[in-house]
Amino acid sequence: MQKYSGLTVDQWSWFYVLSLDGLLRHNPDRPEHTFATEAAYKRFHTLHSGQPVTSSPDTYGYALCRPTLDGQKIIGMRHLVVWFLHHGWLPA
Protein backbone atom coordinates (compact mmCIF):
# COMPACT_ATOMS: atom_id res chain seq x y z
CA MET A 1 0.00 0.00 0.00
CA GLN A 2 1.46 3.30 -1.06
CA LYS A 3 1.92 6.14 1.41
CA TYR A 4 2.43 9.87 1.07
CA SER A 5 4.17 11.71 3.95
CA GLY A 6 3.80 8.54 6.00
CA LEU A 7 0.00 8.28 5.62
CA THR A 8 -2.10 5.93 3.49
CA VAL A 9 -5.05 7.10 1.39
CA ASP A 10 -7.41 5.95 4.15
CA GLN A 11 -5.52 7.97 6.75
CA TRP A 12 -5.48 11.11 4.55
CA SER A 13 -9.22 10.65 4.07
CA TRP A 14 -9.67 10.89 7.85
CA PHE A 15 -8.66 14.55 7.51
CA TYR A 16 -9.72 15.65 4.02
CA VAL A 17 -12.35 14.91 1.37
CA LEU A 18 -12.70 16.01 -2.23
CA SER A 19 -15.99 17.78 -2.86
CA LEU A 20 -18.00 17.58 -6.07
CA ASP A 21 -16.92 21.12 -6.93
CA GLY A 22 -13.27 20.01 -6.89
CA LEU A 23 -12.25 21.59 -3.59
CA LEU A 24 -10.25 19.91 -0.87
CA ARG A 25 -12.34 20.20 2.29
CA HIS A 26 -11.91 19.29 5.94
CA ASN A 27 -13.70 15.97 6.45
CA PRO A 28 -16.89 16.61 8.46
CA ASP A 29 -16.91 12.91 9.44
CA ARG A 30 -13.38 12.96 10.84
CA PRO A 31 -12.93 10.14 13.37
CA GLU A 32 -12.75 11.10 17.02
CA HIS A 33 -9.49 9.21 17.54
CA THR A 34 -7.66 11.77 15.37
CA PHE A 35 -8.19 14.52 17.96
CA ALA A 36 -5.87 15.00 20.93
CA THR A 37 -8.53 16.45 23.23
CA GLU A 38 -12.26 17.00 23.47
CA ALA A 39 -11.63 20.74 23.08
CA ALA A 40 -9.81 20.13 19.78
CA TYR A 41 -12.77 18.02 18.61
CA LYS A 42 -15.25 20.80 19.45
CA ARG A 43 -13.04 23.51 17.91
CA PHE A 44 -12.75 21.54 14.66
CA HIS A 45 -16.50 21.05 14.36
CA THR A 46 -17.15 24.71 15.14
CA LEU A 47 -14.54 26.23 12.83
CA HIS A 48 -13.39 23.79 10.15
CA SER A 49 -15.77 20.89 9.57
CA GLY A 50 -16.69 20.76 5.86
CA GLN A 51 -14.87 24.01 5.08
CA PRO A 52 -12.38 24.30 2.20
CA VAL A 53 -8.73 23.95 3.18
CA THR A 54 -7.18 27.41 3.24
CA SER A 55 -4.27 28.39 1.02
CA SER A 56 -1.12 28.69 3.06
CA PRO A 57 1.85 28.47 0.72
CA ASP A 58 5.36 27.59 1.79
CA THR A 59 8.38 29.66 0.75
CA TYR A 60 8.30 28.02 -2.70
CA GLY A 61 4.64 28.85 -3.33
CA TYR A 62 3.14 25.39 -2.76
CA ALA A 63 -0.09 25.17 -0.76
CA LEU A 64 0.30 22.77 2.16
CA CYS A 65 -1.88 20.45 4.23
CA ARG A 66 -0.82 20.07 7.87
CA PRO A 67 -2.86 17.48 9.77
CA THR A 68 -1.75 16.37 13.23
CA LEU A 69 -1.89 12.70 14.15
CA ASP A 70 -0.75 11.31 17.50
CA GLY A 71 0.82 14.66 18.37
CA GLN A 72 2.95 14.69 15.22
CA LYS A 73 2.34 17.28 12.50
CA ILE A 74 2.33 15.78 9.01
CA ILE A 75 3.06 18.10 6.12
CA GLY A 76 1.91 17.36 2.59
CA MET A 77 1.69 19.43 -0.55
CA ARG A 78 -1.97 19.99 -1.29
CA HIS A 79 -1.79 19.13 -4.99
CA LEU A 80 -0.25 15.75 -4.12
CA VAL A 81 -2.85 15.10 -1.41
CA VAL A 82 -5.63 15.82 -3.93
CA TRP A 83 -4.05 13.47 -6.50
CA PHE A 84 -3.47 10.79 -3.86
CA LEU A 85 -7.07 10.97 -2.58
CA HIS A 86 -8.51 10.94 -6.09
CA HIS A 87 -6.34 8.24 -7.68
CA GLY A 88 -5.02 6.27 -4.67
CA TRP A 89 -1.43 6.39 -5.91
CA LEU A 90 1.27 8.91 -6.79
CA PRO A 91 3.20 9.02 -10.04
CA ALA A 92 6.82 7.98 -9.70
PDB file of N, CA and C in Angstrom:
ATOM      1  N   MET A   1       0.847  -1.173   0.000  1.00  0.00           N
ATOM      2  CA  MET A   1       0.000   0.000   0.000  1.00  0.00           C
ATOM      3  C   MET A   1       0.898   1.243   0.000  1.00  0.00           C
ATOM      4  N   GLN A   2       0.644   2.106  -0.929  1.00  0.00           N
ATOM      5  CA  GLN A   2       1.464   3.304  -1.063  1.00  0.00           C
ATOM      6  C   GLN A   2       1.104   4.336   0.001  1.00  0.00           C
ATOM      7  N   LYS A   3       2.111   5.084   0.426  1.00  0.00           N
ATOM      8  CA  LYS A   3       1.923   6.145   1.414  1.00  0.00           C
ATOM      9  C   LYS A   3       2.459   7.458   0.857  1.00  0.00           C
ATOM     10  N   TYR A   4       1.905   8.544   1.356  1.00  0.00           N
ATOM     11  CA  TYR A   4       2.433   9.874   1.073  1.00  0.00           C
ATOM     12  C   TYR A   4       2.613  10.570   2.415  1.00  0.00           C
ATOM     13  N   SER A   5       3.806  11.066   2.670  1.00  0.00           N
ATOM     14  CA  SER A   5       4.170  11.707   3.947  1.00  0.00           C
ATOM     15  C   SER A   5       3.857  10.802   5.131  1.00  0.00           C
ATOM     16  N   GLY A   6       3.982   9.500   4.924  1.00  0.00           N
ATOM     17  CA  GLY A   6       3.796   8.536   5.997  1.00  0.00           C
ATOM     18  C   GLY A   6       2.363   8.102   6.231  1.00  0.00           C
ATOM     19  N   LEU A   7       1.403   8.632   5.454  1.00  0.00           N
ATOM     20  CA  LEU A   7       0.001   8.277   5.625  1.00  0.00           C
ATOM     21  C   LEU A   7      -0.531   7.566   4.379  1.00  0.00           C
ATOM     22  N   THR A   8      -1.426   6.611   4.600  1.00  0.00           N
ATOM     23  CA  THR A   8      -2.096   5.932   3.493  1.00  0.00           C
ATOM     24  C   THR A   8      -3.257   6.791   3.008  1.00  0.00           C
ATOM     25  N   VAL A   9      -3.875   6.379   1.908  1.00  0.00           N
ATOM     26  CA  VAL A   9      -5.051   7.102   1.395  1.00  0.00           C
ATOM     27  C   VAL A   9      -6.158   7.124   2.446  1.00  0.00           C
ATOM     28  N   ASP A  10      -6.365   5.992   3.114  1.00  0.00           N
ATOM     29  CA  ASP A  10      -7.412   5.947   4.148  1.00  0.00           C
ATOM     30  C   ASP A  10      -7.124   6.930   5.280  1.00  0.00           C
ATOM     31  N   GLN A  11      -5.868   7.037   5.672  1.00  0.00           N
ATOM     32  CA  GLN A  11      -5.518   7.972   6.746  1.00  0.00           C
ATOM     33  C   GLN A  11      -5.667   9.419   6.289  1.00  0.00           C
ATOM     34  N   TRP A  12      -5.264   9.743   5.053  1.00  0.00           N
ATOM     35  CA  TRP A  12      -5.475  11.106   4.551  1.00  0.00           C
ATOM     36  C   TRP A  12      -6.965  11.411   4.510  1.00  0.00           C
ATOM     37  N   SER A  13      -7.781  10.409   4.160  1.00  0.00           N
ATOM     38  CA  SER A  13      -9.224  10.650   4.067  1.00  0.00           C
ATOM     39  C   SER A  13      -9.869  10.853   5.435  1.00  0.00           C
ATOM     40  N   TRP A  14      -9.176  10.520   6.515  1.00  0.00           N
ATOM     41  CA  TRP A  14      -9.668  10.887   7.846  1.00  0.00           C
ATOM     42  C   TRP A  14      -9.750  12.402   7.966  1.00  0.00           C
ATOM     43  N   PHE A  15      -8.801  13.097   7.347  1.00  0.00           N
ATOM     44  CA  PHE A  15      -8.665  14.547   7.513  1.00  0.00           C
ATOM     45  C   PHE A  15      -9.324  15.354   6.401  1.00  0.00           C
ATOM     46  N   TYR A  16      -9.279  14.862   5.163  1.00  0.00           N
ATOM     47  CA  TYR A  16      -9.723  15.649   4.016  1.00  0.00           C
ATOM     48  C   TYR A  16     -10.606  14.828   3.092  1.00  0.00           C
ATOM     49  N   VAL A  17     -11.507  15.519   2.405  1.00  0.00           N
ATOM     50  CA  VAL A  17     -12.348  14.907   1.373  1.00  0.00           C
ATOM     51  C   VAL A  17     -12.331  15.826   0.153  1.00  0.00           C
ATOM     52  N   LEU A  18     -12.567  15.231  -1.009  1.00  0.00           N
ATOM     53  CA  LEU A  18     -12.699  16.009  -2.233  1.00  0.00           C
ATOM     54  C   LEU A  18     -14.187  16.227  -2.481  1.00  0.00           C
ATOM     55  N   SER A  19     -14.574  17.482  -2.636  1.00  0.00           N
ATOM     56  CA  SER A  19     -15.988  17.785  -2.865  1.00  0.00           C
ATOM     57  C   SER A  19     -16.305  17.681  -4.352  1.00  0.00           C
ATOM     58  N   LEU A  20     -17.578  17.666  -4.671  1.00  0.00           N
ATOM     59  CA  LEU A  20     -17.999  17.579  -6.066  1.00  0.00           C
ATOM     60  C   LEU A  20     -17.579  18.785  -6.880  1.00  0.00           C
ATOM     61  N   ASP A  21     -17.364  19.919  -6.211  1.00  0.00           N
ATOM     62  CA  ASP A  21     -16.921  21.118  -6.925  1.00  0.00           C
ATOM     63  C   ASP A  21     -15.405  21.180  -7.060  1.00  0.00           C
ATOM     64  N   GLY A  22     -14.714  20.107  -6.683  1.00  0.00           N
ATOM     65  CA  GLY A  22     -13.271  20.007  -6.890  1.00  0.00           C
ATOM     66  C   GLY A  22     -12.415  20.609  -5.794  1.00  0.00           C
ATOM     67  N   LEU A  23     -13.019  20.995  -4.680  1.00  0.00           N
ATOM     68  CA  LEU A  23     -12.252  21.586  -3.589  1.00  0.00           C
ATOM     69  C   LEU A  23     -11.841  20.530  -2.573  1.00  0.00           C
ATOM     70  N   LEU A  24     -10.685  20.739  -1.985  1.00  0.00           N
ATOM     71  CA  LEU A  24     -10.245  19.910  -0.870  1.00  0.00           C
ATOM     72  C   LEU A  24     -10.846  20.514   0.394  1.00  0.00           C
ATOM     73  N   ARG A  25     -11.645  19.711   1.105  1.00  0.00           N
ATOM     74  CA  ARG A  25     -12.338  20.200   2.290  1.00  0.00           C
ATOM     75  C   ARG A  25     -11.953  19.379   3.512  1.00  0.00           C
ATOM     76  N   HIS A  26     -12.104  20.009   4.687  1.00  0.00           N
ATOM     77  CA  HIS A  26     -11.905  19.288   5.943  1.00  0.00           C
ATOM     78  C   HIS A  26     -13.042  18.278   6.077  1.00  0.00           C
ATOM     79  N   ASN A  27     -12.711  17.047   6.380  1.00  0.00           N
ATOM     80  CA  ASN A  27     -13.695  15.971   6.449  1.00  0.00           C
ATOM     81  C   ASN A  27     -14.640  16.195   7.627  1.00  0.00           C
ATOM     82  N   PRO A  28     -15.948  16.410   7.353  1.00  0.00           N
ATOM     83  CA  PRO A  28     -16.893  16.611   8.460  1.00  0.00           C
ATOM     84  C   PRO A  28     -17.112  15.340   9.282  1.00  0.00           C
ATOM     85  N   ASP A  29     -16.757  14.185   8.735  1.00  0.00           N
ATOM     86  CA  ASP A  29     -16.911  12.905   9.437  1.00  0.00           C
ATOM     87  C   ASP A  29     -15.580  12.406   9.990  1.00  0.00           C
ATOM     88  N   ARG A  30     -14.699  13.329  10.319  1.00  0.00           N
ATOM     89  CA  ARG A  30     -13.380  12.958  10.836  1.00  0.00           C
ATOM     90  C   ARG A  30     -13.512  12.141  12.118  1.00  0.00           C
ATOM     91  N   PRO A  31     -12.819  11.002  12.191  1.00  0.00           N
ATOM     92  CA  PRO A  31     -12.933  10.140  13.370  1.00  0.00           C
ATOM     93  C   PRO A  31     -12.443  10.820  14.647  1.00  0.00           C
ATOM     94  N   GLU A  32     -13.100  10.491  15.738  1.00  0.00           N
ATOM     95  CA  GLU A  32     -12.751  11.104  17.024  1.00  0.00           C
ATOM     96  C   GLU A  32     -11.329  10.765  17.461  1.00  0.00           C
ATOM     97  N   HIS A  33     -10.823   9.597  17.081  1.00  0.00           N
ATOM     98  CA  HIS A  33      -9.493   9.206  17.540  1.00  0.00           C
ATOM     99  C   HIS A  33      -8.373  10.063  16.940  1.00  0.00           C
ATOM    100  N   THR A  34      -8.681  10.912  15.954  1.00  0.00           N
ATOM    101  CA  THR A  34      -7.657  11.770  15.370  1.00  0.00           C
ATOM    102  C   THR A  34      -7.494  13.090  16.116  1.00  0.00           C
ATOM    103  N   PHE A  35      -8.280  13.298  17.161  1.00  0.00           N
ATOM    104  CA  PHE A  35      -8.190  14.522  17.959  1.00  0.00           C
ATOM    105  C   PHE A  35      -7.467  14.239  19.266  1.00  0.00           C
ATOM    106  N   ALA A  36      -6.627  15.172  19.685  1.00  0.00           N
ATOM    107  CA  ALA A  36      -5.868  15.000  20.925  1.00  0.00           C
ATOM    108  C   ALA A  36      -6.746  15.205  22.157  1.00  0.00           C
ATOM    109  N   THR A  37      -7.685  16.137  22.073  1.00  0.00           N
ATOM    110  CA  THR A  37      -8.532  16.451  23.230  1.00  0.00           C
ATOM    111  C   THR A  37      -9.974  16.676  22.782  1.00  0.00           C
ATOM    112  N   GLU A  38     -10.848  16.693  23.744  1.00  0.00           N
ATOM    113  CA  GLU A  38     -12.261  16.996  23.471  1.00  0.00           C
ATOM    114  C   GLU A  38     -12.408  18.444  22.977  1.00  0.00           C
ATOM    115  N   ALA A  39     -11.591  19.335  23.516  1.00  0.00           N
ATOM    116  CA  ALA A  39     -11.625  20.739  23.080  1.00  0.00           C
ATOM    117  C   ALA A  39     -11.229  20.862  21.610  1.00  0.00           C
ATOM    118  N   ALA A  40     -10.238  20.098  21.183  1.00  0.00           N
ATOM    119  CA  ALA A  40      -9.814  20.125  19.777  1.00  0.00           C
ATOM    120  C   ALA A  40     -10.938  19.606  18.881  1.00  0.00           C
ATOM    121  N   TYR A  41     -11.637  18.581  19.340  1.00  0.00           N
ATOM    122  CA  TYR A  41     -12.771  18.024  18.606  1.00  0.00           C
ATOM    123  C   TYR A  41     -13.868  19.085  18.428  1.00  0.00           C
ATOM    124  N   LYS A  42     -14.218  19.772  19.502  1.00  0.00           N
ATOM    125  CA  LYS A  42     -15.254  20.804  19.451  1.00  0.00           C
ATOM    126  C   LYS A  42     -14.821  21.981  18.579  1.00  0.00           C
ATOM    127  N   ARG A  43     -13.557  22.396  18.710  1.00  0.00           N
ATOM    128  CA  ARG A  43     -13.042  23.510  17.910  1.00  0.00           C
ATOM    129  C   ARG A  43     -13.096  23.179  16.419  1.00  0.00           C
ATOM    130  N   PHE A  44     -12.716  21.950  16.066  1.00  0.00           N
ATOM    131  CA  PHE A  44     -12.747  21.539  14.664  1.00  0.00           C
ATOM    132  C   PHE A  44     -14.165  21.616  14.114  1.00  0.00           C
ATOM    133  N   HIS A  45     -15.129  21.069  14.856  1.00  0.00           N
ATOM    134  CA  HIS A  45     -16.500  21.047  14.356  1.00  0.00           C
ATOM    135  C   HIS A  45     -17.136  22.432  14.354  1.00  0.00           C
ATOM    136  N   THR A  46     -16.652  23.345  15.148  1.00  0.00           N
ATOM    137  CA  THR A  46     -17.152  24.712  15.144  1.00  0.00           C
ATOM    138  C   THR A  46     -16.541  25.525  14.003  1.00  0.00           C
ATOM    139  N   LEU A  47     -15.247  25.364  13.768  1.00  0.00           N
ATOM    140  CA  LEU A  47     -14.539  26.234  12.830  1.00  0.00           C
ATOM    141  C   LEU A  47     -14.242  25.634  11.460  1.00  0.00           C
ATOM    142  N   HIS A  48     -13.952  24.341  11.383  1.00  0.00           N
ATOM    143  CA  HIS A  48     -13.387  23.794  10.149  1.00  0.00           C
ATOM    144  C   HIS A  48     -14.199  22.723   9.449  1.00  0.00           C
ATOM    145  N   SER A  49     -15.060  22.032  10.130  1.00  0.00           N
ATOM    146  CA  SER A  49     -15.771  20.886   9.567  1.00  0.00           C
ATOM    147  C   SER A  49     -16.472  21.231   8.257  1.00  0.00           C
ATOM    148  N   GLY A  50     -16.084  20.548   7.171  1.00  0.00           N
ATOM    149  CA  GLY A  50     -16.686  20.757   5.859  1.00  0.00           C
ATOM    150  C   GLY A  50     -16.207  21.980   5.108  1.00  0.00           C
ATOM    151  N   GLN A  51     -15.367  22.792   5.720  1.00  0.00           N
ATOM    152  CA  GLN A  51     -14.871  24.009   5.081  1.00  0.00           C
ATOM    153  C   GLN A  51     -13.705  23.694   4.138  1.00  0.00           C
ATOM    154  N   PRO A  52     -13.529  24.499   3.083  1.00  0.00           N
ATOM    155  CA  PRO A  52     -12.377  24.302   2.205  1.00  0.00           C
ATOM    156  C   PRO A  52     -11.071  24.520   2.962  1.00  0.00           C
ATOM    157  N   VAL A  53     -10.056  23.779   2.582  1.00  0.00           N
ATOM    158  CA  VAL A  53      -8.730  23.946   3.179  1.00  0.00           C
ATOM    159  C   VAL A  53      -8.177  25.276   2.688  1.00  0.00           C
ATOM    160  N   THR A  54      -7.678  26.093   3.599  1.00  0.00           N
ATOM    161  CA  THR A  54      -7.179  27.411   3.235  1.00  0.00           C
ATOM    162  C   THR A  54      -5.842  27.316   2.507  1.00  0.00           C
ATOM    163  N   SER A  55      -5.553  28.327   1.735  1.00  0.00           N
ATOM    164  CA  SER A  55      -4.273  28.389   1.020  1.00  0.00           C
ATOM    165  C   SER A  55      -3.227  28.976   1.947  1.00  0.00           C
ATOM    166  N   SER A  56      -2.226  28.194   2.251  1.00  0.00           N
ATOM    167  CA  SER A  56      -1.121  28.686   3.060  1.00  0.00           C
ATOM    168  C   SER A  56       0.170  28.183   2.414  1.00  0.00           C
ATOM    169  N   PRO A  57       0.688  28.954   1.467  1.00  0.00           N
ATOM    170  CA  PRO A  57       1.854  28.473   0.724  1.00  0.00           C
ATOM    171  C   PRO A  57       3.134  28.490   1.550  1.00  0.00           C
ATOM    172  N   ASP A  58       4.040  27.580   1.183  1.00  0.00           N
ATOM    173  CA  ASP A  58       5.357  27.590   1.794  1.00  0.00           C
ATOM    174  C   ASP A  58       6.224  28.618   1.065  1.00  0.00           C
ATOM    175  N   THR A  59       7.499  28.659   1.359  1.00  0.00           N
ATOM    176  CA  THR A  59       8.383  29.662   0.753  1.00  0.00           C
ATOM    177  C   THR A  59       8.560  29.470  -0.748  1.00  0.00           C
ATOM    178  N   TYR A  60       8.187  28.291  -1.265  1.00  0.00           N
ATOM    179  CA  TYR A  60       8.305  28.025  -2.698  1.00  0.00           C
ATOM    180  C   TYR A  60       6.980  28.196  -3.433  1.00  0.00           C
ATOM    181  N   GLY A  61       5.925  28.582  -2.721  1.00  0.00           N
ATOM    182  CA  GLY A  61       4.642  28.851  -3.329  1.00  0.00           C
ATOM    183  C   GLY A  61       3.674  27.683  -3.364  1.00  0.00           C
ATOM    184  N   TYR A  62       4.035  26.544  -2.773  1.00  0.00           N
ATOM    185  CA  TYR A  62       3.144  25.388  -2.757  1.00  0.00           C
ATOM    186  C   TYR A  62       2.183  25.476  -1.576  1.00  0.00           C
ATOM    187  N   ALA A  63       0.897  25.221  -1.841  1.00  0.00           N
ATOM    188  CA  ALA A  63      -0.086  25.168  -0.759  1.00  0.00           C
ATOM    189  C   ALA A  63       0.097  23.855  -0.005  1.00  0.00           C
ATOM    190  N   LEU A  64       0.017  23.928   1.315  1.00  0.00           N
ATOM    191  CA  LEU A  64       0.300  22.769   2.158  1.00  0.00           C
ATOM    192  C   LEU A  64      -0.923  22.313   2.939  1.00  0.00           C
ATOM    193  N   CYS A  65      -0.919  21.039   3.294  1.00  0.00           N
ATOM    194  CA  CYS A  65      -1.877  20.452   4.233  1.00  0.00           C
ATOM    195  C   CYS A  65      -1.068  20.047   5.452  1.00  0.00           C
ATOM    196  N   ARG A  66      -1.580  20.349   6.644  1.00  0.00           N
ATOM    197  CA  ARG A  66      -0.822  20.072   7.866  1.00  0.00           C
ATOM    198  C   ARG A  66      -1.676  19.386   8.933  1.00  0.00           C
ATOM    199  N   PRO A  67      -2.110  18.160   8.703  1.00  0.00           N
ATOM    200  CA  PRO A  67      -2.859  17.481   9.768  1.00  0.00           C
ATOM    201  C   PRO A  67      -1.934  17.041  10.894  1.00  0.00           C
ATOM    202  N   THR A  68      -2.501  16.868  12.074  1.00  0.00           N
ATOM    203  CA  THR A  68      -1.753  16.373  13.225  1.00  0.00           C
ATOM    204  C   THR A  68      -2.335  15.026  13.626  1.00  0.00           C
ATOM    205  N   LEU A  69      -1.466  14.033  13.760  1.00  0.00           N
ATOM    206  CA  LEU A  69      -1.888  12.697  14.152  1.00  0.00           C
ATOM    207  C   LEU A  69      -0.952  12.197  15.232  1.00  0.00           C
ATOM    208  N   ASP A  70      -1.524  11.802  16.358  1.00  0.00           N
ATOM    209  CA  ASP A  70      -0.752  11.309  17.504  1.00  0.00           C
ATOM    210  C   ASP A  70       0.297  12.325  17.953  1.00  0.00           C
ATOM    211  N   GLY A  71      -0.069  13.602  17.922  1.00  0.00           N
ATOM    212  CA  GLY A  71       0.824  14.663  18.371  1.00  0.00           C
ATOM    213  C   GLY A  71       1.916  15.030  17.384  1.00  0.00           C
ATOM    214  N   GLN A  72       1.920  14.411  16.225  1.00  0.00           N
ATOM    215  CA  GLN A  72       2.945  14.686  15.217  1.00  0.00           C
ATOM    216  C   GLN A  72       2.301  15.385  14.022  1.00  0.00           C
ATOM    217  N   LYS A  73       2.855  16.541  13.637  1.00  0.00           N
ATOM    218  CA  LYS A  73       2.339  17.281  12.497  1.00  0.00           C
ATOM    219  C   LYS A  73       2.876  16.657  11.215  1.00  0.00           C
ATOM    220  N   ILE A  74       1.966  16.338  10.308  1.00  0.00           N
ATOM    221  CA  ILE A  74       2.329  15.777   9.010  1.00  0.00           C
ATOM    222  C   ILE A  74       2.156  16.879   7.982  1.00  0.00           C
ATOM    223  N   ILE A  75       3.127  17.048   7.127  1.00  0.00           N
ATOM    224  CA  ILE A  75       3.056  18.099   6.122  1.00  0.00           C
ATOM    225  C   ILE A  75       3.027  17.454   4.745  1.00  0.00           C
ATOM    226  N   GLY A  76       2.032  17.839   3.957  1.00  0.00           N
ATOM    227  CA  GLY A  76       1.908  17.357   2.589  1.00  0.00           C
ATOM    228  C   GLY A  76       1.569  18.497   1.668  1.00  0.00           C
ATOM    229  N   MET A  77       2.048  18.421   0.443  1.00  0.00           N
ATOM    230  CA  MET A  77       1.694  19.427  -0.548  1.00  0.00           C
ATOM    231  C   MET A  77       0.269  19.144  -1.015  1.00  0.00           C
ATOM    232  N   ARG A  78      -0.546  20.185  -1.032  1.00  0.00           N
ATOM    233  CA  ARG A  78      -1.972  19.991  -1.288  1.00  0.00           C
ATOM    234  C   ARG A  78      -2.245  19.346  -2.640  1.00  0.00           C
ATOM    235  N   HIS A  79      -1.516  19.715  -3.675  1.00  0.00           N
ATOM    236  CA  HIS A  79      -1.792  19.132  -4.987  1.00  0.00           C
ATOM    237  C   HIS A  79      -1.510  17.629  -4.996  1.00  0.00           C
ATOM    238  N   LEU A  80      -0.528  17.177  -4.208  1.00  0.00           N
ATOM    239  CA  LEU A  80      -0.254  15.746  -4.125  1.00  0.00           C
ATOM    240  C   LEU A  80      -1.292  15.026  -3.272  1.00  0.00           C
ATOM    241  N   VAL A  81      -1.790  15.689  -2.231  1.00  0.00           N
ATOM    242  CA  VAL A  81      -2.848  15.099  -1.412  1.00  0.00           C
ATOM    243  C   VAL A  81      -4.110  14.914  -2.255  1.00  0.00           C
ATOM    244  N   VAL A  82      -4.456  15.910  -3.069  1.00  0.00           N
ATOM    245  CA  VAL A  82      -5.629  15.816  -3.935  1.00  0.00           C
ATOM    246  C   VAL A  82      -5.461  14.653  -4.912  1.00  0.00           C
ATOM    247  N   TRP A  83      -4.307  14.569  -5.559  1.00  0.00           N
ATOM    248  CA  TRP A  83      -4.055  13.475  -6.496  1.00  0.00           C
ATOM    249  C   TRP A  83      -4.155  12.126  -5.775  1.00  0.00           C
ATOM    250  N   PHE A  84      -3.518  12.021  -4.632  1.00  0.00           N
ATOM    251  CA  PHE A  84      -3.475  10.786  -3.860  1.00  0.00           C
ATOM    252  C   PHE A  84      -4.881  10.355  -3.435  1.00  0.00           C
ATOM    253  N   LEU A  85      -5.706  11.305  -2.971  1.00  0.00           N
ATOM    254  CA  LEU A  85      -7.072  10.975  -2.576  1.00  0.00           C
ATOM    255  C   LEU A  85      -7.927  10.569  -3.772  1.00  0.00           C
ATOM    256  N   HIS A  86      -7.698  11.216  -4.907  1.00  0.00           N
ATOM    257  CA  HIS A  86      -8.506  10.938  -6.094  1.00  0.00           C
ATOM    258  C   HIS A  86      -8.117   9.624  -6.769  1.00  0.00           C
ATOM    259  N   HIS A  87      -6.813   9.387  -6.922  1.00  0.00           N
ATOM    260  CA  HIS A  87      -6.335   8.236  -7.678  1.00  0.00           C
ATOM    261  C   HIS A  87      -5.870   7.065  -6.808  1.00  0.00           C
ATOM    262  N   GLY A  88      -5.474   7.341  -5.549  1.00  0.00           N
ATOM    263  CA  GLY A  88      -5.018   6.273  -4.665  1.00  0.00           C
ATOM    264  C   GLY A  88      -3.563   5.900  -4.848  1.00  0.00           C
ATOM    265  N   TRP A  89      -2.855   6.632  -5.668  1.00  0.00           N
ATOM    266  CA  TRP A  89      -1.433   6.387  -5.905  1.00  0.00           C
ATOM    267  C   TRP A  89      -0.790   7.694  -6.367  1.00  0.00           C
ATOM    268  N   LEU A  90       0.528   7.732  -6.308  1.00  0.00           N
ATOM    269  CA  LEU A  90       1.268   8.914  -6.787  1.00  0.00           C
ATOM    270  C   LEU A  90       2.167   8.499  -7.943  1.00  0.00           C
ATOM    271  N   PRO A  91       2.292   9.349  -8.953  1.00  0.00           N
ATOM    272  CA  PRO A  91       3.203   9.017 -10.043  1.00  0.00           C
ATOM    273  C   PRO A  91       4.647   8.991  -9.546  1.00  0.00           C
ATOM    274  N   ALA A  92       5.418   8.117 -10.114  1.00  0.00           N
ATOM    275  CA  ALA A  92       6.819   7.983  -9.696  1.00  0.00           C
ATOM    276  C   ALA A  92       7.684   9.075 -10.261  1.00  0.00           C
TER     277      ALA A  92
END
